[in-house]
């Protein structure tokens, strides 16, 4: 579903968020990880502090756990928590080879037979987690987990045996989409897009982008979580920007900027199953919103 067409943003005053109010919200309500992210991205804080905050979630087996992904409160490693760790290290320039190597080794040791990563590892059993954080019965590879992790590793030029299984599996799944009649959900598309954004095989990626764009429009039309085109094409350099008009993008940025709450933070559209998880998510999405607006020249 495309965003409704509107006049270009320069035809009238833009909504600009209050960064100081966001800082106050984060200081009052966010976990240390997201305060360190904010300090690094918006206040000139050291990347090393972000690295240390991420490292606090590391597990003894080299992966990441301990509710780094707020919907999974289990202490053990999960592909989803590893994805968050890698993404935060990347966005803040806090990339650490030792942390990354340990995470990749964990992924390789727990990969399904076809390669890649499962959505939820069975070790979550018995620990608090969101209702949708359940292992799939056949423990097959997951597009969201595999694509998001692989994309970030490729963006950083990482070479690891885990990618040797993940990348061929991703291409097989993605190139089977045109004409298949399969409709991917939005979360699977997040993985697809992150992989296509960063794969070095640009010609191959270009060949599947039209089919992926159709999938994105269908996912937006079906979403009941208040998703926006910015969930799929947040930054000016995103491959997904070709799927939307400039007016649609500007309208989405207007809505994001106007989404700042009275307490200075932003909120999210998916179900809040736990007060603690909800608080963690609000801190995370507040930093995300500020970064998107800044990188689109809205701060």
C-alpha atoms as a PDB file:
ATOM      1  CA  UNK A   1       0.000   0.000   0.000  1.00  0.00           C
ATOM      2  CA  UNK A   2       1.495   3.319  -1.011  1.00  0.00           C
ATOM      3  CA  UNK A   3       1.466   6.298   1.303  1.00  0.00           C
ATOM      4  CA  UNK A   4      -1.138   8.889   0.224  1.00  0.00           C
ATOM      5  CA  UNK A   5       0.211  11.532  -2.104  1.00  0.00           C
ATOM      6  CA  UNK A   6       0.717  14.941  -0.505  1.00  0.00           C
ATOM      7  CA  UNK A   7       2.339  18.223  -1.347  1.00  0.00           C
ATOM      8  CA  UNK A   8       6.097  18.286  -1.055  1.00  0.00           C
ATOM      9  CA  UNK A   9       7.367  19.118   2.413  1.00  0.00           C
ATOM     10  CA  UNK A  10       8.918  22.383   1.271  1.00  0.00           C
ATOM     11  CA  UNK A  11       5.440  23.725   0.442  1.00  0.00           C
ATOM     12  CA  UNK A  12       4.838  24.297   4.147  1.00  0.00           C
ATOM     13  CA  UNK A  13       6.472  24.144   7.568  1.00  0.00           C
ATOM     14  CA  UNK A  14       8.004  20.817   8.528  1.00  0.00           C
ATOM     15  CA  UNK A  15       7.340  19.066  11.785  1.00  0.00           C
ATOM     16  CA  UNK A  16      10.650  18.931  13.627  1.00  0.00           C
ATOM     17  CA  UNK A  17      11.112  16.759  16.688  1.00  0.00           C
ATOM     18  CA  UNK A  18      12.391  18.055  20.004  1.00  0.00           C
ATOM     19  CA  UNK A  19      15.748  16.322  20.445  1.00  0.00           C
ATOM     20  CA  UNK A  20      16.233  17.694  23.947  1.00  0.00           C
ATOM     21  CA  UNK A  21      12.861  16.277  25.011  1.00  0.00           C
ATOM     22  CA  UNK A  22      13.898  12.931  23.514  1.00  0.00           C
ATOM     23  CA  UNK A  23      17.126  13.059  25.520  1.00  0.00           C
ATOM     24  CA  UNK A  24      15.134  13.633  28.699  1.00  0.00           C
ATOM     25  CA  UNK A  25      12.866  10.709  27.879  1.00  0.00           C
ATOM     26  CA  UNK A  26      15.812   8.409  27.269  1.00  0.00           C
ATOM     27  CA  UNK A  27      17.492   9.486  30.495  1.00  0.00           C
ATOM     28  CA  UNK A  28      14.316   8.779  32.446  1.00  0.00           C
ATOM     29  CA  UNK A  29      13.081   5.611  30.779  1.00  0.00           C
ATOM     30  CA  UNK A  30      15.541   3.896  28.417  1.00  0.00           C
ATOM     31  CA  UNK A  31      18.052   1.138  29.073  1.00  0.00           C
ATOM     32  CA  UNK A  32      21.746   2.019  29.082  1.00  0.00           C
ATOM     33  CA  UNK A  33      22.246   0.534  25.605  1.00  0.00           C
ATOM     34  CA  UNK A  34      19.913   3.048  23.972  1.00  0.00           C
ATOM     35  CA  UNK A  35      21.256   5.936  26.040  1.00  0.00           C
ATOM     36  CA  UNK A  36      24.739   5.053  24.788  1.00  0.00           C
ATOM     37  CA  UNK A  37      23.415   4.839  21.216  1.00  0.00           C
ATOM     38  CA  UNK A  38      21.888   8.302  21.554  1.00  0.00           C
ATOM     39  CA  UNK A  39      25.057   9.756  23.052  1.00  0.00           C
ATOM     40  CA  UNK A  40      27.167   8.318  20.237  1.00  0.00           C
ATOM     41  CA  UNK A  41      24.862   9.256  17.372  1.00  0.00           C
ATOM     42  CA  UNK A  42      23.721  12.694  18.572  1.00  0.00           C
ATOM     43  CA  UNK A  43      26.068  13.980  21.256  1.00  0.00           C
ATOM     44  CA  UNK A  44      29.498  12.942  20.041  1.00  0.00           C
ATOM     45  CA  UNK A  45      29.813  10.166  22.610  1.00  0.00           C
ATOM     46  CA  UNK A  46      32.443   7.446  22.196  1.00  0.00           C
ATOM     47  CA  UNK A  47      31.740   4.372  20.126  1.00  0.00           C
ATOM     48  CA  UNK A  48      33.607   2.356  22.742  1.00  0.00           C
ATOM     49  CA  UNK A  49      30.789   2.984  25.198  1.00  0.00           C
ATOM     50  CA  UNK A  50      28.327   1.434  22.737  1.00  0.00           C
ATOM     51  CA  UNK A  51      30.634  -1.523  22.262  1.00  0.00           C
ATOM     52  CA  UNK A  52      30.796  -2.048  26.024  1.00  0.00           C
ATOM     53  CA  UNK A  53      27.017  -1.788  26.347  1.00  0.00           C
ATOM     54  CA  UNK A  54      26.530  -4.417  23.642  1.00  0.00           C
ATOM     55  CA  UNK A  55      29.190  -6.652  25.170  1.00  0.00           C
ATOM     56  CA  UNK A  56      27.218  -6.729  28.421  1.00  0.00           C
ATOM     57  CA  UNK A  57      24.657  -8.894  26.616  1.00  0.00           C
ATOM     58  CA  UNK A  58      27.224 -11.423  25.420  1.00  0.00           C
ATOM     59  CA  UNK A  59      26.751 -15.032  26.476  1.00  0.00           C
ATOM     60  CA  UNK A  60      29.381 -17.546  27.512  1.00  0.00           C
ATOM     61  CA  UNK A  61      29.069 -19.354  24.161  1.00  0.00           C
ATOM     62  CA  UNK A  62      29.948 -16.251  22.145  1.00  0.00           C
ATOM     63  CA  UNK A  63      26.435 -15.251  21.102  1.00  0.00           C
ATOM     64  CA  UNK A  64      24.135 -12.631  22.602  1.00  0.00           C
ATOM     65  CA  UNK A  65      21.085 -12.919  24.836  1.00  0.00           C
ATOM     66  CA  UNK A  66      19.811 -11.415  28.107  1.00  0.00           C
ATOM     67  CA  UNK A  67      16.914  -9.504  26.473  1.00  0.00           C
ATOM     68  CA  UNK A  68      19.064  -7.537  24.043  1.00  0.00           C
ATOM     69  CA  UNK A  69      16.058  -8.087  21.751  1.00  0.00           C
ATOM     70  CA  UNK A  70      13.333  -6.888  24.138  1.00  0.00           C
ATOM     71  CA  UNK A  71      10.734  -9.490  23.183  1.00  0.00           C
ATOM     72  CA  UNK A  72      13.068 -12.351  24.113  1.00  0.00           C
ATOM     73  CA  UNK A  73      13.852 -12.271  27.848  1.00  0.00           C
ATOM     74  CA  UNK A  74      15.826 -15.527  27.799  1.00  0.00           C
ATOM     75  CA  UNK A  75      19.471 -15.348  28.916  1.00  0.00           C
ATOM     76  CA  UNK A  76      20.743 -17.648  26.160  1.00  0.00           C
ATOM     77  CA  UNK A  77      21.848 -16.805  22.637  1.00  0.00           C
ATOM     78  CA  UNK A  78      19.360 -16.342  19.832  1.00  0.00           C
ATOM     79  CA  UNK A  79      19.779 -15.326  16.163  1.00  0.00           C
ATOM     80  CA  UNK A  80      17.503 -12.340  16.811  1.00  0.00           C
ATOM     81  CA  UNK A  81      19.639 -11.027  19.656  1.00  0.00           C
ATOM     82  CA  UNK A  82      22.777 -11.521  17.583  1.00  0.00           C
ATOM     83  CA  UNK A  83      21.147  -9.488  14.812  1.00  0.00           C
ATOM     84  CA  UNK A  84      20.501  -6.598  17.188  1.00  0.00           C
ATOM     85  CA  UNK A  85      24.077  -6.727  18.500  1.00  0.00           C
ATOM     86  CA  UNK A  86      25.578  -6.593  15.017  1.00  0.00           C
ATOM     87  CA  UNK A  87      23.231  -3.832  13.872  1.00  0.00           C
ATOM     88  CA  UNK A  88      24.012  -1.596  16.846  1.00  0.00           C
ATOM     89  CA  UNK A  89      27.757  -2.143  16.544  1.00  0.00           C
ATOM     90  CA  UNK A  90      27.522  -1.262  12.860  1.00  0.00           C
ATOM     91  CA  UNK A  91      25.365   1.844  13.159  1.00  0.00           C
ATOM     92  CA  UNK A  92      27.555   3.385  15.875  1.00  0.00           C
ATOM     93  CA  UNK A  93      30.924   2.584  14.349  1.00  0.00           C
ATOM     94  CA  UNK A  94      31.611   0.282  17.286  1.00  0.00           C
ATOM     95  CA  UNK A  95      32.394  -2.822  15.220  1.00  0.00           C
ATOM     96  CA  UNK A  96      34.448  -5.297  17.247  1.00  0.00           C
ATOM     97  CA  UNK A  97      36.041  -8.265  15.481  1.00  0.00           C
ATOM     98  CA  UNK A  98      36.137 -10.406  18.595  1.00  0.00           C
ATOM     99  CA  UNK A  99      32.466  -9.934  19.396  1.00  0.00           C
ATOM    100  CA  UNK A 100      31.495 -10.489  15.771  1.00  0.00           C
ATOM    101  CA  UNK A 101      33.628 -13.617  15.391  1.00  0.00           C
ATOM    102  CA  UNK A 102      32.069 -15.178  18.475  1.00  0.00           C
ATOM    103  CA  UNK A 103      28.577 -14.437  17.200  1.00  0.00           C
ATOM    104  CA  UNK A 104      29.352 -15.916  13.783  1.00  0.00           C
ATOM    105  CA  UNK A 105      30.784 -19.028  15.384  1.00  0.00           C
ATOM    106  CA  UNK A 106      27.569 -19.440  17.374  1.00  0.00           C
ATOM    107  CA  UNK A 107      25.488 -19.075  14.219  1.00  0.00           C
ATOM    108  CA  UNK A 108      27.572 -21.677  12.404  1.00  0.00           C
ATOM    109  CA  UNK A 109      27.272 -24.123  15.297  1.00  0.00           C
ATOM    110  CA  UNK A 110      23.465 -23.735  15.410  1.00  0.00           C
ATOM    111  CA  UNK A 111      22.648 -23.411  11.701  1.00  0.00           C
ATOM    112  CA  UNK A 112      19.903 -25.605  10.240  1.00  0.00           C
ATOM    113  CA  UNK A 113      20.899 -28.164   7.618  1.00  0.00           C
ATOM    114  CA  UNK A 114      20.084 -25.850   4.707  1.00  0.00           C
ATOM    115  CA  UNK A 115      22.238 -23.041   6.119  1.00  0.00           C
ATOM    116  CA  UNK A 116      21.341 -19.670   7.574  1.00  0.00           C
ATOM    117  CA  UNK A 117      19.680 -19.203  10.931  1.00  0.00           C
ATOM    118  CA  UNK A 118      16.398 -20.212  12.513  1.00  0.00           C
ATOM    119  CA  UNK A 119      14.006 -17.550  13.780  1.00  0.00           C
ATOM    120  CA  UNK A 120      13.966 -18.857  17.361  1.00  0.00           C
ATOM    121  CA  UNK A 121      16.343 -21.393  18.859  1.00  0.00           C
ATOM    122  CA  UNK A 122      14.633 -24.022  21.084  1.00  0.00           C
ATOM    123  CA  UNK A 123      16.713 -22.920  24.070  1.00  0.00           C
ATOM    124  CA  UNK A 124      14.078 -20.249  24.638  1.00  0.00           C
ATOM    125  CA  UNK A 125      11.826 -22.869  26.260  1.00  0.00           C
ATOM    126  CA  UNK A 126      10.897 -22.025  29.818  1.00  0.00           C
ATOM    127  CA  UNK A 127      11.900 -18.349  29.619  1.00  0.00           C
ATOM    128  CA  UNK A 128       9.652 -15.289  29.265  1.00  0.00           C
ATOM    129  CA  UNK A 129       9.130 -14.176  25.692  1.00  0.00           C
ATOM    130  CA  UNK A 130       6.579 -12.590  23.402  1.00  0.00           C
ATOM    131  CA  UNK A 131       3.891 -14.988  22.128  1.00  0.00           C
ATOM    132  CA  UNK A 132       5.277 -14.808  18.601  1.00  0.00           C
ATOM    133  CA  UNK A 133       8.762 -15.825  19.721  1.00  0.00           C
ATOM    134  CA  UNK A 134       8.259 -19.553  19.247  1.00  0.00           C
ATOM    135  CA  UNK A 135      10.502 -22.035  17.405  1.00  0.00           C
ATOM    136  CA  UNK A 136       9.055 -23.227  14.136  1.00  0.00           C
ATOM    137  CA  UNK A 137       8.226 -26.950  14.252  1.00  0.00           C
ATOM    138  CA  UNK A 138      10.761 -27.991  11.627  1.00  0.00           C
ATOM    139  CA  UNK A 139      13.417 -25.479  12.754  1.00  0.00           C
ATOM    140  CA  UNK A 140      13.888 -24.321   9.176  1.00  0.00           C
ATOM    141  CA  UNK A 141      15.945 -21.297   8.217  1.00  0.00           C
ATOM    142  CA  UNK A 142      14.313 -17.896   8.620  1.00  0.00           C
ATOM    143  CA  UNK A 143      14.433 -15.063   6.111  1.00  0.00           C
ATOM    144  CA  UNK A 144      14.343 -12.347   8.736  1.00  0.00           C
ATOM    145  CA  UNK A 145      17.095 -13.800  10.907  1.00  0.00           C
ATOM    146  CA  UNK A 146      19.321 -14.956   8.060  1.00  0.00           C
ATOM    147  CA  UNK A 147      18.865 -11.906   5.846  1.00  0.00           C
ATOM    148  CA  UNK A 148      19.352  -9.288   8.511  1.00  0.00           C
ATOM    149  CA  UNK A 149      22.469 -10.887   9.952  1.00  0.00           C
ATOM    150  CA  UNK A 150      23.993 -11.715   6.565  1.00  0.00           C
ATOM    151  CA  UNK A 151      23.338  -8.222   5.223  1.00  0.00           C
ATOM    152  CA  UNK A 152      25.128  -6.542   8.114  1.00  0.00           C
ATOM    153  CA  UNK A 153      28.081  -8.922   7.877  1.00  0.00           C
ATOM    154  CA  UNK A 154      28.364  -8.328   4.122  1.00  0.00           C
ATOM    155  CA  UNK A 155      28.195  -4.563   4.646  1.00  0.00           C
ATOM    156  CA  UNK A 156      31.213  -4.886   6.920  1.00  0.00           C
ATOM    157  CA  UNK A 157      33.121  -7.177   4.565  1.00  0.00           C
ATOM    158  CA  UNK A 158      33.128 -10.072   7.016  1.00  0.00           C
ATOM    159  CA  UNK A 159      34.247 -13.472   5.760  1.00  0.00           C
ATOM    160  CA  UNK A 160      33.057 -16.455   7.781  1.00  0.00           C
ATOM    161  CA  UNK A 161      31.977 -20.030   6.987  1.00  0.00           C
ATOM    162  CA  UNK A 162      28.449 -19.274   8.196  1.00  0.00           C
ATOM    163  CA  UNK A 163      27.971 -16.947   5.232  1.00  0.00           C
ATOM    164  CA  UNK A 164      28.959 -19.783   2.918  1.00  0.00           C
ATOM    165  CA  UNK A 165      25.683 -21.518   3.752  1.00  0.00           C
ATOM    166  CA  UNK A 166      23.516 -18.466   4.416  1.00  0.00           C
ATOM    167  CA  UNK A 167      24.099 -16.580   1.171  1.00  0.00           C
ATOM    168  CA  UNK A 168      23.223 -19.415  -1.280  1.00  0.00           C
ATOM    169  CA  UNK A 169      20.100 -20.202   0.742  1.00  0.00           C
ATOM    170  CA  UNK A 170      18.996 -16.567   0.650  1.00  0.00           C
ATOM    171  CA  UNK A 171      19.457 -16.331  -3.113  1.00  0.00           C
ATOM    172  CA  UNK A 172      17.484 -19.527  -3.632  1.00  0.00           C
ATOM    173  CA  UNK A 173      14.580 -18.234  -1.546  1.00  0.00           C
ATOM    174  CA  UNK A 174      14.556 -14.724  -3.000  1.00  0.00           C
ATOM    175  CA  UNK A 175      14.920 -15.724  -6.643  1.00  0.00           C
ATOM    176  CA  UNK A 176      12.021 -18.147  -6.290  1.00  0.00           C
ATOM    177  CA  UNK A 177       9.609 -15.300  -5.448  1.00  0.00           C
ATOM    178  CA  UNK A 178       8.727 -13.980  -8.930  1.00  0.00           C
ATOM    179  CA  UNK A 179       5.694 -15.848 -10.173  1.00  0.00           C
ATOM    180  CA  UNK A 180       5.568 -18.117  -7.106  1.00  0.00           C
ATOM    181  CA  UNK A 181       2.363 -16.691  -5.637  1.00  0.00           C
ATOM    182  CA  UNK A 182       4.042 -16.673  -2.231  1.00  0.00           C
ATOM    183  CA  UNK A 183       3.286 -13.574  -0.163  1.00  0.00           C
ATOM    184  CA  UNK A 184       5.976 -12.778   2.361  1.00  0.00           C
ATOM    185  CA  UNK A 185       5.167 -11.093   5.643  1.00  0.00           C
ATOM    186  CA  UNK A 186       6.766  -7.767   6.512  1.00  0.00           C
ATOM    187  CA  UNK A 187       9.322  -9.249   8.883  1.00  0.00           C
ATOM    188  CA  UNK A 188      10.632 -11.691   6.304  1.00  0.00           C
ATOM    189  CA  UNK A 189      10.908  -8.768   3.920  1.00  0.00           C
ATOM    190  CA  UNK A 190      13.112  -6.917   6.408  1.00  0.00           C
ATOM    191  CA  UNK A 191      15.609  -9.745   6.049  1.00  0.00           C
ATOM    192  CA  UNK A 192      15.309  -9.857   2.272  1.00  0.00           C
ATOM    193  CA  UNK A 193      15.851  -6.119   1.925  1.00  0.00           C
ATOM    194  CA  UNK A 194      18.841  -5.953   4.264  1.00  0.00           C
ATOM    195  CA  UNK A 195      20.533  -8.742   2.346  1.00  0.00           C
ATOM    196  CA  UNK A 196      19.819  -7.194  -1.054  1.00  0.00           C
ATOM    197  CA  UNK A 197      20.984  -3.805   0.201  1.00  0.00           C
ATOM    198  CA  UNK A 198      24.441  -5.120   1.010  1.00  0.00           C
ATOM    199  CA  UNK A 199      25.142  -8.087  -1.259  1.00  0.00           C
ATOM    200  CA  UNK A 200      28.137  -7.400  -3.501  1.00  0.00           C
ATOM    201  CA  UNK A 201      26.277  -9.006  -6.436  1.00  0.00           C
ATOM    202  CA  UNK A 202      24.459  -5.837  -7.502  1.00  0.00           C
ATOM    203  CA  UNK A 203      23.312  -7.134 -10.894  1.00  0.00           C
ATOM    204  CA  UNK A 204      21.693 -10.155  -9.301  1.00  0.00           C
ATOM    205  CA  UNK A 205      20.011  -7.961  -6.701  1.00  0.00           C
ATOM    206  CA  UNK A 206      18.645  -5.619  -9.370  1.00  0.00           C
ATOM    207  CA  UNK A 207      16.962  -8.548 -11.061  1.00  0.00           C
ATOM    208  CA  UNK A 208      14.735  -9.329  -8.095  1.00  0.00           C
ATOM    209  CA  UNK A 209      13.998  -5.810  -6.821  1.00  0.00           C
ATOM    210  CA  UNK A 210      10.724  -5.356  -8.795  1.00  0.00           C
ATOM    211  CA  UNK A 211       9.274  -8.560  -7.333  1.00  0.00           C
ATOM    212  CA  UNK A 212      10.392  -7.600  -3.829  1.00  0.00           C
ATOM    213  CA  UNK A 213       8.845  -4.147  -4.270  1.00  0.00           C
ATOM    214  CA  UNK A 214       5.499  -5.740  -5.101  1.00  0.00           C
ATOM    215  CA  UNK A 215       5.785  -7.856  -1.973  1.00  0.00           C
ATOM    216  CA  UNK A 216       6.464  -4.737   0.117  1.00  0.00           C
ATOM    217  CA  UNK A 217       3.364  -2.955  -1.154  1.00  0.00           C
ATOM    218  CA  UNK A 218       1.245  -6.012  -0.385  1.00  0.00           C
ATOM    219  CA  UNK A 219       2.755  -6.260   3.105  1.00  0.00           C
ATOM    220  CA  UNK A 220       2.041  -2.599   3.833  1.00  0.00           C
ATOM    221  CA  UNK A 221      -1.556  -3.029   2.721  1.00  0.00           C
ATOM    222  CA  UNK A 222      -2.017  -6.041   5.002  1.00  0.00           C
ATOM    223  CA  UNK A 223      -0.171  -4.778   8.076  1.00  0.00           C
ATOM    224  CA  UNK A 224      -2.149  -4.125  11.238  1.00  0.00           C
ATOM    225  CA  UNK A 225       0.853  -2.750  13.162  1.00  0.00           C
ATOM    226  CA  UNK A 226       0.864   0.764  11.735  1.00  0.00           C
ATOM    227  CA  UNK A 227       3.818   0.068   9.480  1.00  0.00           C
ATOM    228  CA  UNK A 228       5.168   2.743   7.190  1.00  0.00           C
ATOM    229  CA  UNK A 229       7.248   2.719   4.040  1.00  0.00           C
ATOM    230  CA  UNK A 230      10.078   3.856   6.319  1.00  0.00           C
ATOM    231  CA  UNK A 231      10.129   0.361   7.808  1.00  0.00           C
ATOM    232  CA  UNK A 232      11.327  -0.820   4.398  1.00  0.00           C
ATOM    233  CA  UNK A 233      13.164   2.222   3.020  1.00  0.00           C
ATOM    234  CA  UNK A 234      14.255   4.323   5.973  1.00  0.00           C
ATOM    235  CA  UNK A 235      17.360   6.026   4.618  1.00  0.00           C
ATOM    236  CA  UNK A 236      18.019   8.000   1.435  1.00  0.00           C
ATOM    237  CA  UNK A 237      20.366   5.318   0.102  1.00  0.00           C
ATOM    238  CA  UNK A 238      17.910   2.478   0.611  1.00  0.00           C
ATOM    239  CA  UNK A 239      17.203   0.251  -2.367  1.00  0.00           C
ATOM    240  CA  UNK A 240      13.534   0.502  -1.397  1.00  0.00           C
ATOM    241  CA  UNK A 241      13.263   4.215  -2.188  1.00  0.00           C
ATOM    242  CA  UNK A 242      12.630   3.309  -5.833  1.00  0.00           C
ATOM    243  CA  UNK A 243       9.307   1.743  -4.797  1.00  0.00           C
ATOM    244  CA  UNK A 244       7.852   5.050  -3.561  1.00  0.00           C
ATOM    245  CA  UNK A 245       7.445   8.585  -4.828  1.00  0.00           C
ATOM    246  CA  UNK A 246       9.272  11.508  -3.181  1.00  0.00           C
ATOM    247  CA  UNK A 247       5.923  12.825  -1.959  1.00  0.00           C
ATOM    248  CA  UNK A 248       5.128   9.522  -0.288  1.00  0.00           C
ATOM    249  CA  UNK A 249       8.491   9.506   1.443  1.00  0.00           C
ATOM    250  CA  UNK A 250       8.091  13.061   2.704  1.00  0.00           C
ATOM    251  CA  UNK A 251       4.597  12.310   4.003  1.00  0.00           C
ATOM    252  CA  UNK A 252       5.931   9.311   5.900  1.00  0.00           C
ATOM    253  CA  UNK A 253       8.715  11.425   7.404  1.00  0.00           C
ATOM    254  CA  UNK A 254       6.136  14.032   8.462  1.00  0.00           C
ATOM    255  CA  UNK A 255       4.153  11.363  10.257  1.00  0.00           C
ATOM    256  CA  UNK A 256       7.252   9.975  11.935  1.00  0.00           C
ATOM    257  CA  UNK A 257       8.297  13.403  13.187  1.00  0.00           C
ATOM    258  CA  UNK A 258       4.764  14.083  14.430  1.00  0.00           C
ATOM    259  CA  UNK A 259       4.781  10.756  16.294  1.00  0.00           C
ATOM    260  CA  UNK A 260       6.875  12.115  19.156  1.00  0.00           C
ATOM    261  CA  UNK A 261       4.854  11.659  22.344  1.00  0.00           C
ATOM    262  CA  UNK A 262       4.272  14.207  25.089  1.00  0.00           C
ATOM    263  CA  UNK A 263       7.005  12.582  27.204  1.00  0.00           C
ATOM    264  CA  UNK A 264       9.576  13.120  24.431  1.00  0.00           C
ATOM    265  CA  UNK A 265       9.778   9.529  23.187  1.00  0.00           C
ATOM    266  CA  UNK A 266       8.289   7.540  20.365  1.00  0.00           C
ATOM    267  CA  UNK A 267       6.233   4.372  20.629  1.00  0.00           C
ATOM    268  CA  UNK A 268       5.576   1.279  18.502  1.00  0.00           C
ATOM    269  CA  UNK A 269       2.639  -0.365  16.771  1.00  0.00           C
ATOM    270  CA  UNK A 270       2.999  -4.051  17.638  1.00  0.00           C
ATOM    271  CA  UNK A 271       1.414  -5.630  20.747  1.00  0.00           C
ATOM    272  CA  UNK A 272       2.939  -4.770  24.105  1.00  0.00           C
ATOM    273  CA  UNK A 273       3.010  -8.068  25.982  1.00  0.00           C
ATOM    274  CA  UNK A 274       5.208  -6.962  28.899  1.00  0.00           C
ATOM    275  CA  UNK A 275       5.657  -3.567  30.624  1.00  0.00           C
ATOM    276  CA  UNK A 276       9.418  -4.055  30.796  1.00  0.00           C
ATOM    277  CA  UNK A 277       9.688  -5.085  27.144  1.00  0.00           C
ATOM    278  CA  UNK A 278       7.499  -2.127  26.163  1.00  0.00           C
ATOM    279  CA  UNK A 279       9.781   0.286  28.011  1.00  0.00           C
ATOM    280  CA  UNK A 280      12.839  -1.231  26.345  1.00  0.00           C
ATOM    281  CA  UNK A 281      11.214  -0.952  22.933  1.00  0.00           C
ATOM    282  CA  UNK A 282      10.247   2.682  23.421  1.00  0.00           C
ATOM    283  CA  UNK A 283      13.857   3.592  24.106  1.00  0.00           C
ATOM    284  CA  UNK A 284      15.044   1.660  21.061  1.00  0.00           C
ATOM    285  CA  UNK A 285      12.473   3.073  18.643  1.00  0.00           C
ATOM    286  CA  UNK A 286      13.075   6.602  19.933  1.00  0.00           C
ATOM    287  CA  UNK A 287      16.734   6.432  18.919  1.00  0.00           C
ATOM    288  CA  UNK A 288      15.693   4.779  15.636  1.00  0.00           C
ATOM    289  CA  UNK A 289      13.231   7.585  14.884  1.00  0.00           C
ATOM    290  CA  UNK A 290      15.786  10.291  15.592  1.00  0.00           C
ATOM    291  CA  UNK A 291      18.363   8.603  13.384  1.00  0.00           C
ATOM    292  CA  UNK A 292      15.932   8.227  10.483  1.00  0.00           C
ATOM    293  CA  UNK A 293      14.857  11.859  10.744  1.00  0.00           C
ATOM    294  CA  UNK A 294      18.441  13.100  11.006  1.00  0.00           C
ATOM    295  CA  UNK A 295      19.632  11.069   8.033  1.00  0.00           C
ATOM    296  CA  UNK A 296      16.703  12.431   6.000  1.00  0.00           C
ATOM    297  CA  UNK A 297      17.650  16.029   6.896  1.00  0.00           C
ATOM    298  CA  UNK A 298      14.771  16.433   9.313  1.00  0.00           C
ATOM    299  CA  UNK A 299      16.852  17.428  12.365  1.00  0.00           C
END
